[in-house]
PDB file of N, CA and C in Angstrom:
ATOM      1  N   MET A   1       2.252  12.049  -9.416  1.00  0.00           N
ATOM      2  CA  MET A   1       3.287  13.041  -9.249  1.00  0.00           C
ATOM      3  C   MET A   1       3.273  13.642  -7.843  1.00  0.00           C
ATOM      4  N   ASP A   2       2.098  13.647  -7.214  1.00  0.00           N
ATOM      5  CA  ASP A   2       2.027  14.148  -5.838  1.00  0.00           C
ATOM      6  C   ASP A   2       2.812  13.259  -4.888  1.00  0.00           C
ATOM      7  N   TYR A   3       2.787  11.929  -5.136  1.00  0.00           N
ATOM      8  CA  TYR A   3       3.554  11.015  -4.295  1.00  0.00           C
ATOM      9  C   TYR A   3       5.034  11.359  -4.354  1.00  0.00           C
ATOM     10  N   LEU A   4       5.488  11.674  -5.537  1.00  0.00           N
ATOM     11  CA  LEU A   4       6.893  12.004  -5.730  1.00  0.00           C
ATOM     12  C   LEU A   4       7.271  13.283  -4.982  1.00  0.00           C
ATOM     13  N   ARG A   5       6.494  14.332  -5.153  1.00  0.00           N
ATOM     14  CA  ARG A   5       6.783  15.594  -4.460  1.00  0.00           C
ATOM     15  C   ARG A   5       6.697  15.438  -2.948  1.00  0.00           C
ATOM     16  N   ASN A   6       5.701  14.705  -2.479  1.00  0.00           N
ATOM     17  CA  ASN A   6       5.558  14.503  -1.033  1.00  0.00           C
ATOM     18  C   ASN A   6       6.706  13.687  -0.465  1.00  0.00           C
ATOM     19  N   SER A   7       7.175  12.705  -1.215  1.00  0.00           N
ATOM     20  CA  SER A   7       8.316  11.904  -0.751  1.00  0.00           C
ATOM     21  C   SER A   7       9.563  12.761  -0.626  1.00  0.00           C
ATOM     22  N   ILE A   8       9.784  13.626  -1.602  1.00  0.00           N
ATOM     23  CA  ILE A   8      10.940  14.525  -1.541  1.00  0.00           C
ATOM     24  C   ILE A   8      10.811  15.475  -0.355  1.00  0.00           C
ATOM     25  N   ARG A   9       9.617  15.995  -0.123  1.00  0.00           N
ATOM     26  CA  ARG A   9       9.394  16.897   1.015  1.00  0.00           C
ATOM     27  C   ARG A   9       9.651  16.197   2.348  1.00  0.00           C
ATOM     28  N   ILE A  10       9.208  14.953   2.468  1.00  0.00           N
ATOM     29  CA  ILE A  10       9.419  14.201   3.715  1.00  0.00           C
ATOM     30  C   ILE A  10      10.907  14.032   3.983  1.00  0.00           C
ATOM     31  N   LEU A  11      11.671  13.682   2.953  1.00  0.00           N
ATOM     32  CA  LEU A  11      13.110  13.514   3.144  1.00  0.00           C
ATOM     33  C   LEU A  11      13.794  14.842   3.465  1.00  0.00           C
ATOM     34  N   ARG A  12      13.353  15.921   2.866  1.00  0.00           N
ATOM     35  CA  ARG A  12      13.919  17.238   3.184  1.00  0.00           C
ATOM     36  C   ARG A  12      13.585  17.635   4.626  1.00  0.00           C
ATOM     37  N   CYS A  13      12.358  17.330   5.074  1.00  0.00           N
ATOM     38  CA  CYS A  13      11.987  17.607   6.474  1.00  0.00           C
ATOM     39  C   CYS A  13      12.844  16.796   7.432  1.00  0.00           C
ATOM     40  N   PHE A  14      13.146  15.552   7.063  1.00  0.00           N
ATOM     41  CA  PHE A  14      14.036  14.729   7.877  1.00  0.00           C
ATOM     42  C   PHE A  14      15.410  15.382   7.982  1.00  0.00           C
ATOM     43  N   GLU A  15      15.921  15.887   6.866  1.00  0.00           N
ATOM     44  CA  GLU A  15      17.219  16.555   6.892  1.00  0.00           C
ATOM     45  C   GLU A  15      17.210  17.762   7.824  1.00  0.00           C
ATOM     46  N   LEU A  16      16.156  18.560   7.741  1.00  0.00           N
ATOM     47  CA  LEU A  16      16.074  19.757   8.583  1.00  0.00           C
ATOM     48  C   LEU A  16      15.904  19.410  10.055  1.00  0.00           C
ATOM     49  N   ALA A  17      15.090  18.399  10.344  1.00  0.00           N
ATOM     50  CA  ALA A  17      14.821  18.032  11.736  1.00  0.00           C
ATOM     51  C   ALA A  17      16.019  17.359  12.392  1.00  0.00           C
ATOM     52  N   SER A  18      16.730  16.519  11.642  1.00  0.00           N
ATOM     53  CA  SER A  18      17.822  15.755  12.240  1.00  0.00           C
ATOM     54  C   SER A  18      19.177  16.437  12.111  1.00  0.00           C
ATOM     55  N   GLY A  19      19.304  17.338  11.150  1.00  0.00           N
ATOM     56  CA  GLY A  19      20.604  17.951  10.912  1.00  0.00           C
ATOM     57  C   GLY A  19      21.513  17.078  10.071  1.00  0.00           C
ATOM     58  N   LEU A  20      21.011  15.938   9.627  1.00  0.00           N
ATOM     59  CA  LEU A  20      21.780  15.032   8.783  1.00  0.00           C
ATOM     60  C   LEU A  20      21.530  15.359   7.320  1.00  0.00           C
ATOM     61  N   LYS A  21      22.458  14.986   6.466  1.00  0.00           N
ATOM     62  CA  LYS A  21      22.328  15.229   5.036  1.00  0.00           C
ATOM     63  C   LYS A  21      22.226  13.890   4.322  1.00  0.00           C
ATOM     64  N   ILE A  22      21.268  13.765   3.423  1.00  0.00           N
ATOM     65  CA  ILE A  22      21.105  12.546   2.633  1.00  0.00           C
ATOM     66  C   ILE A  22      21.936  12.697   1.366  1.00  0.00           C
ATOM     67  N   ASN A  23      22.849  11.769   1.140  1.00  0.00           N
ATOM     68  CA  ASN A  23      23.681  11.782  -0.067  1.00  0.00           C
ATOM     69  C   ASN A  23      22.960  11.016  -1.164  1.00  0.00           C
ATOM     70  N   PHE A  24      22.170  11.724  -1.944  1.00  0.00           N
ATOM     71  CA  PHE A  24      21.406  11.066  -2.998  1.00  0.00           C
ATOM     72  C   PHE A  24      22.308  10.533  -4.102  1.00  0.00           C
ATOM     73  N   HIS A  25      23.450  11.176  -4.334  1.00  0.00           N
ATOM     74  CA  HIS A  25      24.342  10.689  -5.386  1.00  0.00           C
ATOM     75  C   HIS A  25      24.979   9.352  -5.010  1.00  0.00           C
ATOM     76  N   LYS A  26      25.002   8.999  -3.729  1.00  0.00           N
ATOM     77  CA  LYS A  26      25.502   7.697  -3.290  1.00  0.00           C
ATOM     78  C   LYS A  26      24.386   6.678  -3.128  1.00  0.00           C
ATOM     79  N   SER A  27      23.142   7.133  -3.210  1.00  0.00           N
ATOM     80  CA  SER A  27      21.991   6.268  -2.948  1.00  0.00           C
ATOM     81  C   SER A  27      21.481   5.633  -4.228  1.00  0.00           C
ATOM     82  N   CYS A  28      20.684   4.584  -4.057  1.00  0.00           N
ATOM     83  CA  CYS A  28      20.009   3.983  -5.198  1.00  0.00           C
ATOM     84  C   CYS A  28      18.614   3.544  -4.767  1.00  0.00           C
ATOM     85  N   MET A  29      17.701   3.568  -5.718  1.00  0.00           N
ATOM     86  CA  MET A  29      16.333   3.100  -5.485  1.00  0.00           C
ATOM     87  C   MET A  29      16.202   1.715  -6.079  1.00  0.00           C
ATOM     88  N   VAL A  30      15.521   0.849  -5.353  1.00  0.00           N
ATOM     89  CA  VAL A  30      15.340  -0.523  -5.805  1.00  0.00           C
ATOM     90  C   VAL A  30      13.857  -0.819  -5.858  1.00  0.00           C
ATOM     91  N   ARG A  31      13.426  -1.403  -6.937  1.00  0.00           N
ATOM     92  CA  ARG A  31      12.019  -1.783  -7.066  1.00  0.00           C
ATOM     93  C   ARG A  31      11.762  -3.048  -6.267  1.00  0.00           C
ATOM     94  N   VAL A  32      10.706  -3.015  -5.483  1.00  0.00           N
ATOM     95  CA  VAL A  32      10.272  -4.186  -4.723  1.00  0.00           C
ATOM     96  C   VAL A  32       8.861  -4.486  -5.186  1.00  0.00           C
ATOM     97  N   GLY A  33       8.654  -5.629  -5.791  1.00  0.00           N
ATOM     98  CA  GLY A  33       7.358  -5.925  -6.381  1.00  0.00           C
ATOM     99  C   GLY A  33       7.316  -5.417  -7.811  1.00  0.00           C
ATOM    100  N   LYS A  34       6.160  -5.528  -8.432  1.00  0.00           N
ATOM    101  CA  LYS A  34       6.070  -5.173  -9.846  1.00  0.00           C
ATOM    102  C   LYS A  34       5.708  -3.722 -10.085  1.00  0.00           C
ATOM    103  N   ASN A  35       4.780  -3.163  -9.329  1.00  0.00           N
ATOM    104  CA  ASN A  35       4.284  -1.820  -9.607  1.00  0.00           C
ATOM    105  C   ASN A  35       4.654  -0.826  -8.517  1.00  0.00           C
ATOM    106  N   THR A  36       5.851  -0.901  -8.006  1.00  0.00           N
ATOM    107  CA  THR A  36       6.250  -0.001  -6.936  1.00  0.00           C
ATOM    108  C   THR A  36       6.372   1.425  -7.446  1.00  0.00           C
ATOM    109  N   PHE A  37       7.151   1.652  -8.462  1.00  0.00           N
ATOM    110  CA  PHE A  37       7.172   2.934  -9.157  1.00  0.00           C
ATOM    111  C   PHE A  37       7.473   2.644 -10.613  1.00  0.00           C
ATOM    112  N   SER A  38       6.949   3.452 -11.494  1.00  0.00           N
ATOM    113  CA  SER A  38       7.081   3.168 -12.919  1.00  0.00           C
ATOM    114  C   SER A  38       8.082   4.119 -13.557  1.00  0.00           C
ATOM    115  N   GLY A  39       8.828   3.585 -14.465  1.00  0.00           N
ATOM    116  CA  GLY A  39       9.755   4.396 -15.235  1.00  0.00           C
ATOM    117  C   GLY A  39      10.936   4.893 -14.433  1.00  0.00           C
ATOM    118  N   GLU A  40      11.629   5.842 -15.020  1.00  0.00           N
ATOM    119  CA  GLU A  40      12.831   6.408 -14.413  1.00  0.00           C
ATOM    120  C   GLU A  40      12.548   7.709 -13.678  1.00  0.00           C
ATOM    121  N   GLY A  41      11.286   8.095 -13.529  1.00  0.00           N
ATOM    122  CA  GLY A  41      10.943   9.380 -12.928  1.00  0.00           C
ATOM    123  C   GLY A  41      11.403   9.527 -11.496  1.00  0.00           C
ATOM    124  N   TRP A  42      11.218   8.501 -10.698  1.00  0.00           N
ATOM    125  CA  TRP A  42      11.582   8.585  -9.280  1.00  0.00           C
ATOM    126  C   TRP A  42      13.086   8.730  -9.083  1.00  0.00           C
ATOM    127  N   PRO A  43      13.905   7.834  -9.623  1.00  0.00           N
ATOM    128  CA  PRO A  43      15.351   8.025  -9.412  1.00  0.00           C
ATOM    129  C   PRO A  43      15.864   9.342  -9.987  1.00  0.00           C
ATOM    130  N   ALA A  44      15.306   9.780 -11.113  1.00  0.00           N
ATOM    131  CA  ALA A  44      15.746  11.052 -11.700  1.00  0.00           C
ATOM    132  C   ALA A  44      15.363  12.226 -10.801  1.00  0.00           C
ATOM    133  N   ALA A  45      14.186  12.174 -10.200  1.00  0.00           N
ATOM    134  CA  ALA A  45      13.742  13.259  -9.323  1.00  0.00           C
ATOM    135  C   ALA A  45      14.588  13.332  -8.055  1.00  0.00           C
ATOM    136  N   PHE A  46      15.007  12.188  -7.545  1.00  0.00           N
ATOM    137  CA  PHE A  46      15.837  12.155  -6.343  1.00  0.00           C
ATOM    138  C   PHE A  46      17.325  12.285  -6.667  1.00  0.00           C
ATOM    139  N   LYS A  47      17.661  12.299  -7.950  1.00  0.00           N
ATOM    140  CA  LYS A  47      19.052  12.364  -8.410  1.00  0.00           C
ATOM    141  C   LYS A  47      19.871  11.209  -7.856  1.00  0.00           C
ATOM    142  N   CYS A  48      19.287  10.017  -7.946  1.00  0.00           N
ATOM    143  CA  CYS A  48      19.989   8.816  -7.510  1.00  0.00           C
ATOM    144  C   CYS A  48      19.875   7.763  -8.607  1.00  0.00           C
ATOM    145  N   LYS A  49      20.542   6.630  -8.404  1.00  0.00           N
ATOM    146  CA  LYS A  49      20.547   5.560  -9.392  1.00  0.00           C
ATOM    147  C   LYS A  49      19.380   4.611  -9.152  1.00  0.00           C
ATOM    148  N   LEU A  50      19.043   3.861 -10.170  1.00  0.00           N
ATOM    149  CA  LEU A  50      18.062   2.791 -10.060  1.00  0.00           C
ATOM    150  C   LEU A  50      18.834   1.494  -9.904  1.00  0.00           C
ATOM    151  N   GLY A  51      18.697   0.828  -8.758  1.00  0.00           N
ATOM    152  CA  GLY A  51      19.419  -0.399  -8.488  1.00  0.00           C
ATOM    153  C   GLY A  51      18.536  -1.617  -8.653  1.00  0.00           C
ATOM    154  N   SER A  52      19.122  -2.773  -8.439  1.00  0.00           N
ATOM    155  CA  SER A  52      18.371  -4.025  -8.504  1.00  0.00           C
ATOM    156  C   SER A  52      18.979  -5.005  -7.507  1.00  0.00           C
ATOM    157  N   PHE A  53      18.207  -6.011  -7.165  1.00  0.00           N
ATOM    158  CA  PHE A  53      18.689  -7.048  -6.259  1.00  0.00           C
ATOM    159  C   PHE A  53      19.507  -8.054  -7.036  1.00  0.00           C
ATOM    160  N   PRO A  54      20.491  -8.704  -6.447  1.00  0.00           N
ATOM    161  CA  PRO A  54      21.037  -8.516  -5.105  1.00  0.00           C
ATOM    162  C   PRO A  54      21.907  -7.267  -5.051  1.00  0.00           C
ATOM    163  N   LEU A  55      21.928  -6.639  -3.878  1.00  0.00           N
ATOM    164  CA  LEU A  55      22.733  -5.442  -3.691  1.00  0.00           C
ATOM    165  C   LEU A  55      23.485  -5.530  -2.379  1.00  0.00           C
ATOM    166  N   ASN A  56      24.529  -4.746  -2.282  1.00  0.00           N
ATOM    167  CA  ASN A  56      25.376  -4.727  -1.098  1.00  0.00           C
ATOM    168  C   ASN A  56      24.953  -3.550  -0.230  1.00  0.00           C
ATOM    169  N   TYR A  57      24.514  -3.832   0.999  1.00  0.00           N
ATOM    170  CA  TYR A  57      24.091  -2.793   1.930  1.00  0.00           C
ATOM    171  C   TYR A  57      24.829  -2.985   3.242  1.00  0.00           C
ATOM    172  N   LEU A  58      25.683  -2.049   3.581  1.00  0.00           N
ATOM    173  CA  LEU A  58      26.495  -2.099   4.804  1.00  0.00           C
ATOM    174  C   LEU A  58      27.293  -3.397   4.910  1.00  0.00           C
ATOM    175  N   GLY A  59      27.808  -3.860   3.782  1.00  0.00           N
ATOM    176  CA  GLY A  59      28.620  -5.066   3.769  1.00  0.00           C
ATOM    177  C   GLY A  59      27.845  -6.356   3.666  1.00  0.00           C
ATOM    178  N   LEU A  60      26.535  -6.296   3.669  1.00  0.00           N
ATOM    179  CA  LEU A  60      25.700  -7.493   3.536  1.00  0.00           C
ATOM    180  C   LEU A  60      25.050  -7.508   2.168  1.00  0.00           C
ATOM    181  N   TYR A  61      24.954  -8.694   1.577  1.00  0.00           N
ATOM    182  CA  TYR A  61      24.274  -8.829   0.302  1.00  0.00           C
ATOM    183  C   TYR A  61      22.809  -9.102   0.554  1.00  0.00           C
ATOM    184  N   LEU A  62      21.960  -8.221   0.057  1.00  0.00           N
ATOM    185  CA  LEU A  62      20.520  -8.359   0.220  1.00  0.00           C
ATOM    186  C   LEU A  62      19.912  -8.819  -1.089  1.00  0.00           C
ATOM    187  N   GLY A  63      18.916  -9.673  -0.993  1.00  0.00           N
ATOM    188  CA  GLY A  63      18.208 -10.128  -2.175  1.00  0.00           C
ATOM    189  C   GLY A  63      18.666 -11.474  -2.677  1.00  0.00           C
ATOM    190  N   GLY A  64      19.674 -12.039  -2.090  1.00  0.00           N
ATOM    191  CA  GLY A  64      20.134 -13.359  -2.486  1.00  0.00           C
ATOM    192  C   GLY A  64      19.447 -14.439  -1.670  1.00  0.00           C
ATOM    193  N   ARG A  65      19.860 -15.668  -1.878  1.00  0.00           N
ATOM    194  CA  ARG A  65      19.308 -16.788  -1.118  1.00  0.00           C
ATOM    195  C   ARG A  65      20.337 -17.224  -0.078  1.00  0.00           C
ATOM    196  N   PRO A  66      20.112 -16.926   1.201  1.00  0.00           N
ATOM    197  CA  PRO A  66      21.084 -17.312   2.229  1.00  0.00           C
ATOM    198  C   PRO A  66      21.243 -18.823   2.372  1.00  0.00           C
ATOM    199  N   SER A  67      20.295 -19.597   1.855  1.00  0.00           N
ATOM    200  CA  SER A  67      20.404 -21.048   1.963  1.00  0.00           C
ATOM    201  C   SER A  67      21.368 -21.627   0.930  1.00  0.00           C
ATOM    202  N   SER A  68      21.800 -20.838  -0.051  1.00  0.00           N
ATOM    203  CA  SER A  68      22.745 -21.344  -1.049  1.00  0.00           C
ATOM    204  C   SER A  68      24.176 -21.044  -0.616  1.00  0.00           C
ATOM    205  N   LYS A  69      25.083 -21.905  -1.039  1.00  0.00           N
ATOM    206  CA  LYS A  69      26.484 -21.745  -0.652  1.00  0.00           C
ATOM    207  C   LYS A  69      27.128 -20.548  -1.357  1.00  0.00           C
ATOM    208  N   ASP A  70      26.667 -20.214  -2.556  1.00  0.00           N
ATOM    209  CA  ASP A  70      27.222 -19.070  -3.288  1.00  0.00           C
ATOM    210  C   ASP A  70      26.988 -17.750  -2.561  1.00  0.00           C
ATOM    211  N   PHE A  71      25.907 -17.667  -1.815  1.00  0.00           N
ATOM    212  CA  PHE A  71      25.591 -16.454  -1.061  1.00  0.00           C
ATOM    213  C   PHE A  71      26.691 -16.146  -0.046  1.00  0.00           C
ATOM    214  N   TRP A  72      27.299 -17.176   0.501  1.00  0.00           N
ATOM    215  CA  TRP A  72      28.278 -17.027   1.577  1.00  0.00           C
ATOM    216  C   TRP A  72      29.723 -17.049   1.088  1.00  0.00           C
ATOM    217  N   LYS A  73      29.958 -17.083  -0.238  1.00  0.00           N
ATOM    218  CA  LYS A  73      31.321 -17.239  -0.746  1.00  0.00           C
ATOM    219  C   LYS A  73      32.247 -16.101  -0.341  1.00  0.00           C
ATOM    220  N   ASP A  74      31.708 -14.940  -0.060  1.00  0.00           N
ATOM    221  CA  ASP A  74      32.515 -13.777   0.305  1.00  0.00           C
ATOM    222  C   ASP A  74      32.989 -13.790   1.757  1.00  0.00           C
ATOM    223  N   LEU A  75      32.272 -14.463   2.630  1.00  0.00           N
ATOM    224  CA  LEU A  75      32.575 -14.397   4.064  1.00  0.00           C
ATOM    225  C   LEU A  75      33.967 -14.920   4.411  1.00  0.00           C
ATOM    226  N   PRO A  76      34.373 -16.122   3.972  1.00  0.00           N
ATOM    227  CA  PRO A  76      35.731 -16.575   4.332  1.00  0.00           C
ATOM    228  C   PRO A  76      36.833 -15.658   3.798  1.00  0.00           C
ATOM    229  N   THR A  77      36.651 -15.106   2.599  1.00  0.00           N
ATOM    230  CA  THR A  77      37.674 -14.194   2.074  1.00  0.00           C
ATOM    231  C   THR A  77      37.713 -12.891   2.859  1.00  0.00           C
ATOM    232  N   ARG A  78      36.563 -12.432   3.334  1.00  0.00           N
ATOM    233  CA  ARG A  78      36.552 -11.221   4.168  1.00  0.00           C
ATOM    234  C   ARG A  78      37.261 -11.476   5.494  1.00  0.00           C
ATOM    235  N   LEU A  79      37.038 -12.655   6.068  1.00  0.00           N
ATOM    236  CA  LEU A  79      37.717 -12.981   7.323  1.00  0.00           C
ATOM    237  C   LEU A  79      39.226 -13.047   7.114  1.00  0.00           C
ATOM    238  N   GLU A  80      39.653 -13.686   6.018  1.00  0.00           N
ATOM    239  CA  GLU A  80      41.083 -13.788   5.737  1.00  0.00           C
ATOM    240  C   GLU A  80      41.697 -12.419   5.456  1.00  0.00           C
ATOM    241  N   SER A  81      40.959 -11.561   4.759  1.00  0.00           N
ATOM    242  CA  SER A  81      41.509 -10.238   4.445  1.00  0.00           C
ATOM    243  C   SER A  81      41.668  -9.390   5.703  1.00  0.00           C
ATOM    244  N   ARG A  82      40.798  -9.581   6.674  1.00  0.00           N
ATOM    245  CA  ARG A  82      40.942  -8.835   7.935  1.00  0.00           C
ATOM    246  C   ARG A  82      42.216  -9.245   8.666  1.00  0.00           C
ATOM    247  N   LEU A  83      42.563 -10.519   8.569  1.00  0.00           N
ATOM    248  CA  LEU A  83      43.762 -10.996   9.248  1.00  0.00           C
ATOM    249  C   LEU A  83      45.034 -10.622   8.492  1.00  0.00           C
ATOM    250  N   ALA A  84      44.957 -10.531   7.165  1.00  0.00           N
ATOM    251  CA  ALA A  84      46.154 -10.335   6.350  1.00  0.00           C
ATOM    252  C   ALA A  84      46.765  -8.946   6.511  1.00  0.00           C
ATOM    253  N   HIS A  85      45.982  -7.939   6.779  1.00  0.00           N
ATOM    254  CA  HIS A  85      46.488  -6.569   6.786  1.00  0.00           C
ATOM    255  C   HIS A  85      46.990  -6.087   8.144  1.00  0.00           C
ATOM    256  N   TRP A  86      46.891  -6.901   9.148  1.00  0.00           N
ATOM    257  CA  TRP A  86      47.294  -6.455  10.474  1.00  0.00           C
ATOM    258  C   TRP A  86      48.806  -6.436  10.610  1.00  0.00           C
ATOM    259  N   LYS A  87      49.263  -5.418  11.239  1.00  0.00           N
ATOM    260  CA  LYS A  87      50.675  -5.336  11.605  1.00  0.00           C
ATOM    261  C   LYS A  87      50.749  -5.683  13.086  1.00  0.00           C
ATOM    262  N   MET A  88      51.041  -6.937  13.383  1.00  0.00           N
ATOM    263  CA  MET A  88      50.948  -7.411  14.765  1.00  0.00           C
ATOM    264  C   MET A  88      52.286  -7.417  15.497  1.00  0.00           C
ATOM    265  N   LYS A  89      53.281  -6.731  14.977  1.00  0.00           N
ATOM    266  CA  LYS A  89      54.576  -6.813  15.632  1.00  0.00           C
ATOM    267  C   LYS A  89      54.629  -6.085  16.966  1.00  0.00           C
ATOM    268  N   PHE A  90      53.659  -5.208  17.231  1.00  0.00           N
ATOM    269  CA  PHE A  90      53.663  -4.466  18.487  1.00  0.00           C
ATOM    270  C   PHE A  90      52.789  -5.099  19.558  1.00  0.00           C
ATOM    271  N   LEU A  91      52.130  -6.209  19.252  1.00  0.00           N
ATOM    272  CA  LEU A  91      51.276  -6.883  20.233  1.00  0.00           C
ATOM    273  C   LEU A  91      51.922  -8.186  20.681  1.00  0.00           C
ATOM    274  N   ASN A  92      51.759  -8.502  21.957  1.00  0.00           N
ATOM    275  CA  ASN A  92      52.232  -9.798  22.418  1.00  0.00           C
ATOM    276  C   ASN A  92      51.233 -10.875  21.991  1.00  0.00           C
ATOM    277  N   LYS A  93      51.549 -12.135  22.246  1.00  0.00           N
ATOM    278  CA  LYS A  93      50.684 -13.229  21.785  1.00  0.00           C
ATOM    279  C   LYS A  93      49.292 -13.156  22.386  1.00  0.00           C
ATOM    280  N   GLY A  94      49.193 -12.805  23.649  1.00  0.00           N
ATOM    281  CA  GLY A  94      47.881 -12.697  24.288  1.00  0.00           C
ATOM    282  C   GLY A  94      47.040 -11.590  23.676  1.00  0.00           C
ATOM    283  N   GLY A  95      47.674 -10.457  23.382  1.00  0.00           N
ATOM    284  CA  GLY A  95      46.966  -9.344  22.751  1.00  0.00           C
ATOM    285  C   GLY A  95      46.504  -9.681  21.348  1.00  0.00           C
ATOM    286  N   ARG A  96      47.349 -10.403  20.606  1.00  0.00           N
ATOM    287  CA  ARG A  96      46.967 -10.829  19.259  1.00  0.00           C
ATOM    288  C   ARG A  96      45.763 -11.743  19.292  1.00  0.00           C
ATOM    289  N   LEU A  97      45.781 -12.684  20.222  1.00  0.00           N
ATOM    290  CA  LEU A  97      44.681 -13.639  20.323  1.00  0.00           C
ATOM    291  C   LEU A  97      43.374 -12.929  20.656  1.00  0.00           C
ATOM    292  N   VAL A  98      43.411 -12.018  21.591  1.00  0.00           N
ATOM    293  CA  VAL A  98      42.205 -11.273  21.967  1.00  0.00           C
ATOM    294  C   VAL A  98      41.698 -10.451  20.788  1.00  0.00           C
ATOM    295  N   LEU A  99      42.602  -9.792  20.076  1.00  0.00           N
ATOM    296  CA  LEU A  99      42.216  -8.973  18.931  1.00  0.00           C
ATOM    297  C   LEU A  99      41.631  -9.815  17.803  1.00  0.00           C
ATOM    298  N   ILE A 100      42.252 -10.936  17.500  1.00  0.00           N
ATOM    299  CA  ILE A 100      41.750 -11.821  16.440  1.00  0.00           C
ATOM    300  C   ILE A 100      40.367 -12.338  16.786  1.00  0.00           C
ATOM    301  N   ILE A 101      40.188 -12.805  17.994  1.00  0.00           N
ATOM    302  CA  ILE A 101      38.883 -13.347  18.404  1.00  0.00           C
ATOM    303  C   ILE A 101      37.816 -12.266  18.354  1.00  0.00           C
ATOM    304  N   ALA A 102      38.133 -11.068  18.802  1.00  0.00           N
ATOM    305  CA  ALA A 102      37.145  -9.982  18.816  1.00  0.00           C
ATOM    306  C   ALA A 102      36.716  -9.587  17.411  1.00  0.00           C
ATOM    307  N   VAL A 103      37.672  -9.423  16.513  1.00  0.00           N
ATOM    308  CA  VAL A 103      37.342  -8.984  15.151  1.00  0.00           C
ATOM    309  C   VAL A 103      36.589 -10.063  14.391  1.00  0.00           C
ATOM    310  N   LEU A 104      37.073 -11.291  14.448  1.00  0.00           N
ATOM    311  CA  LEU A 104      36.407 -12.361  13.701  1.00  0.00           C
ATOM    312  C   LEU A 104      35.020 -12.651  14.244  1.00  0.00           C
ATOM    313  N   SER A 105      34.851 -12.624  15.546  1.00  0.00           N
ATOM    314  CA  SER A 105      33.521 -12.891  16.094  1.00  0.00           C
ATOM    315  C   SER A 105      32.556 -11.754  15.787  1.00  0.00           C
ATOM    316  N   SER A 106      33.052 -10.514  15.698  1.00  0.00           N
ATOM    317  CA  SER A 106      32.142  -9.414  15.365  1.00  0.00           C
ATOM    318  C   SER A 106      31.674  -9.499  13.919  1.00  0.00           C
ATOM    319  N   ILE A 107      32.546  -9.923  13.009  1.00  0.00           N
ATOM    320  CA  ILE A 107      32.129 -10.097  11.611  1.00  0.00           C
ATOM    321  C   ILE A 107      31.086 -11.200  11.513  1.00  0.00           C
ATOM    322  N   LEU A 108      31.343 -12.320  12.178  1.00  0.00           N
ATOM    323  CA  LEU A 108      30.380 -13.424  12.142  1.00  0.00           C
ATOM    324  C   LEU A 108      29.063 -13.035  12.794  1.00  0.00           C
ATOM    325  N   THR A 109      29.129 -12.327  13.904  1.00  0.00           N
ATOM    326  CA  THR A 109      27.904 -11.900  14.581  1.00  0.00           C
ATOM    327  C   THR A 109      27.092 -10.980  13.689  1.00  0.00           C
ATOM    328  N   TYR A 110      27.772 -10.103  12.966  1.00  0.00           N
ATOM    329  CA  TYR A 110      27.092  -9.177  12.056  1.00  0.00           C
ATOM    330  C   TYR A 110      26.345  -9.943  10.962  1.00  0.00           C
ATOM    331  N   TYR A 111      27.011 -10.900  10.335  1.00  0.00           N
ATOM    332  CA  TYR A 111      26.362 -11.700   9.293  1.00  0.00           C
ATOM    333  C   TYR A 111      25.243 -12.563   9.862  1.00  0.00           C
ATOM    334  N   LEU A 112      25.521 -13.245  10.957  1.00  0.00           N
ATOM    335  CA  LEU A 112      24.566 -14.218  11.484  1.00  0.00           C
ATOM    336  C   LEU A 112      23.400 -13.568  12.202  1.00  0.00           C
ATOM    337  N   SER A 113      23.486 -12.284  12.502  1.00  0.00           N
ATOM    338  CA  SER A 113      22.332 -11.609  13.089  1.00  0.00           C
ATOM    339  C   SER A 113      21.255 -11.363  12.044  1.00  0.00           C
ATOM    340  N   ILE A 114      21.621 -11.437  10.776  1.00  0.00           N
ATOM    341  CA  ILE A 114      20.679 -11.197   9.690  1.00  0.00           C
ATOM    342  C   ILE A 114      20.262 -12.495   9.002  1.00  0.00           C
ATOM    343  N   PHE A 115      21.205 -13.376   8.735  1.00  0.00           N
ATOM    344  CA  PHE A 115      20.951 -14.559   7.920  1.00  0.00           C
ATOM    345  C   PHE A 115      21.298 -15.840   8.667  1.00  0.00           C
ATOM    346  N   LYS A 116      20.637 -16.920   8.281  1.00  0.00           N
ATOM    347  CA  LYS A 116      20.980 -18.252   8.770  1.00  0.00           C
ATOM    348  C   LYS A 116      22.064 -18.801   7.850  1.00  0.00           C
ATOM    349  N   ILE A 117      23.168 -19.237   8.434  1.00  0.00           N
ATOM    350  CA  ILE A 117      24.335 -19.630   7.646  1.00  0.00           C
ATOM    351  C   ILE A 117      24.129 -20.996   6.987  1.00  0.00           C
ATOM    352  N   HIS A 118      24.740 -21.156   5.816  1.00  0.00           N
ATOM    353  CA  HIS A 118      24.732 -22.428   5.101  1.00  0.00           C
ATOM    354  C   HIS A 118      25.633 -23.404   5.857  1.00  0.00           C
ATOM    355  N   VAL A 119      25.250 -24.675   5.897  1.00  0.00           N
ATOM    356  CA  VAL A 119      25.980 -25.685   6.673  1.00  0.00           C
ATOM    357  C   VAL A 119      27.415 -25.832   6.180  1.00  0.00           C
ATOM    358  N   GLY A 120      27.626 -25.849   4.871  1.00  0.00           N
ATOM    359  CA  GLY A 120      28.972 -25.998   4.316  1.00  0.00           C
ATOM    360  C   GLY A 120      29.886 -24.851   4.694  1.00  0.00           C
ATOM    361  N   VAL A 121      29.354 -23.663   4.728  1.00  0.00           N
ATOM    362  CA  VAL A 121      30.152 -22.492   5.111  1.00  0.00           C
ATOM    363  C   VAL A 121      30.479 -22.545   6.595  1.00  0.00           C
ATOM    364  N   ALA A 122      29.532 -22.969   7.408  1.00  0.00           N
ATOM    365  CA  ALA A 122      29.774 -23.075   8.853  1.00  0.00           C
ATOM    366  C   ALA A 122      30.887 -24.074   9.146  1.00  0.00           C
ATOM    367  N   LEU A 123      30.933 -25.161   8.398  1.00  0.00           N
ATOM    368  CA  LEU A 123      31.985 -26.153   8.610  1.00  0.00           C
ATOM    369  C   LEU A 123      33.347 -25.640   8.147  1.00  0.00           C
ATOM    370  N   SER A 124      33.380 -24.799   7.103  1.00  0.00           N
ATOM    371  CA  SER A 124      34.663 -24.290   6.607  1.00  0.00           C
ATOM    372  C   SER A 124      35.244 -23.208   7.506  1.00  0.00           C
ATOM    373  N   ILE A 125      34.389 -22.545   8.254  1.00  0.00           N
ATOM    374  CA  ILE A 125      34.874 -21.500   9.162  1.00  0.00           C
ATOM    375  C   ILE A 125      35.404 -22.149  10.420  1.00  0.00           C
TER     376      ILE A 125
END
């Protein structure tokens, strides 16, 4: 129980020192390994949910196998959805091309900075 109280104190000290607020109602705790924490005491004390892998963190799926093609099934649809919602009538062709290249390359860079891409997905992109 001391670990629990000390963990809460550390996070509260972080809030006071940084001026940032931790949104526990938006957060979740995930068990890593078998005996990380037991029961529902920790998530209940922090007033957050108990999550499990795979989970979505900042748009990336964590806990999956990046070597499988199913792991990457979301990437092409995300790229297409970014292109579908643009209202490009106010940009000339050169501006559109620059904007498309910048947005699509930033999404790919974000994914590929974390994971090694599956060969089939790389060929489809």
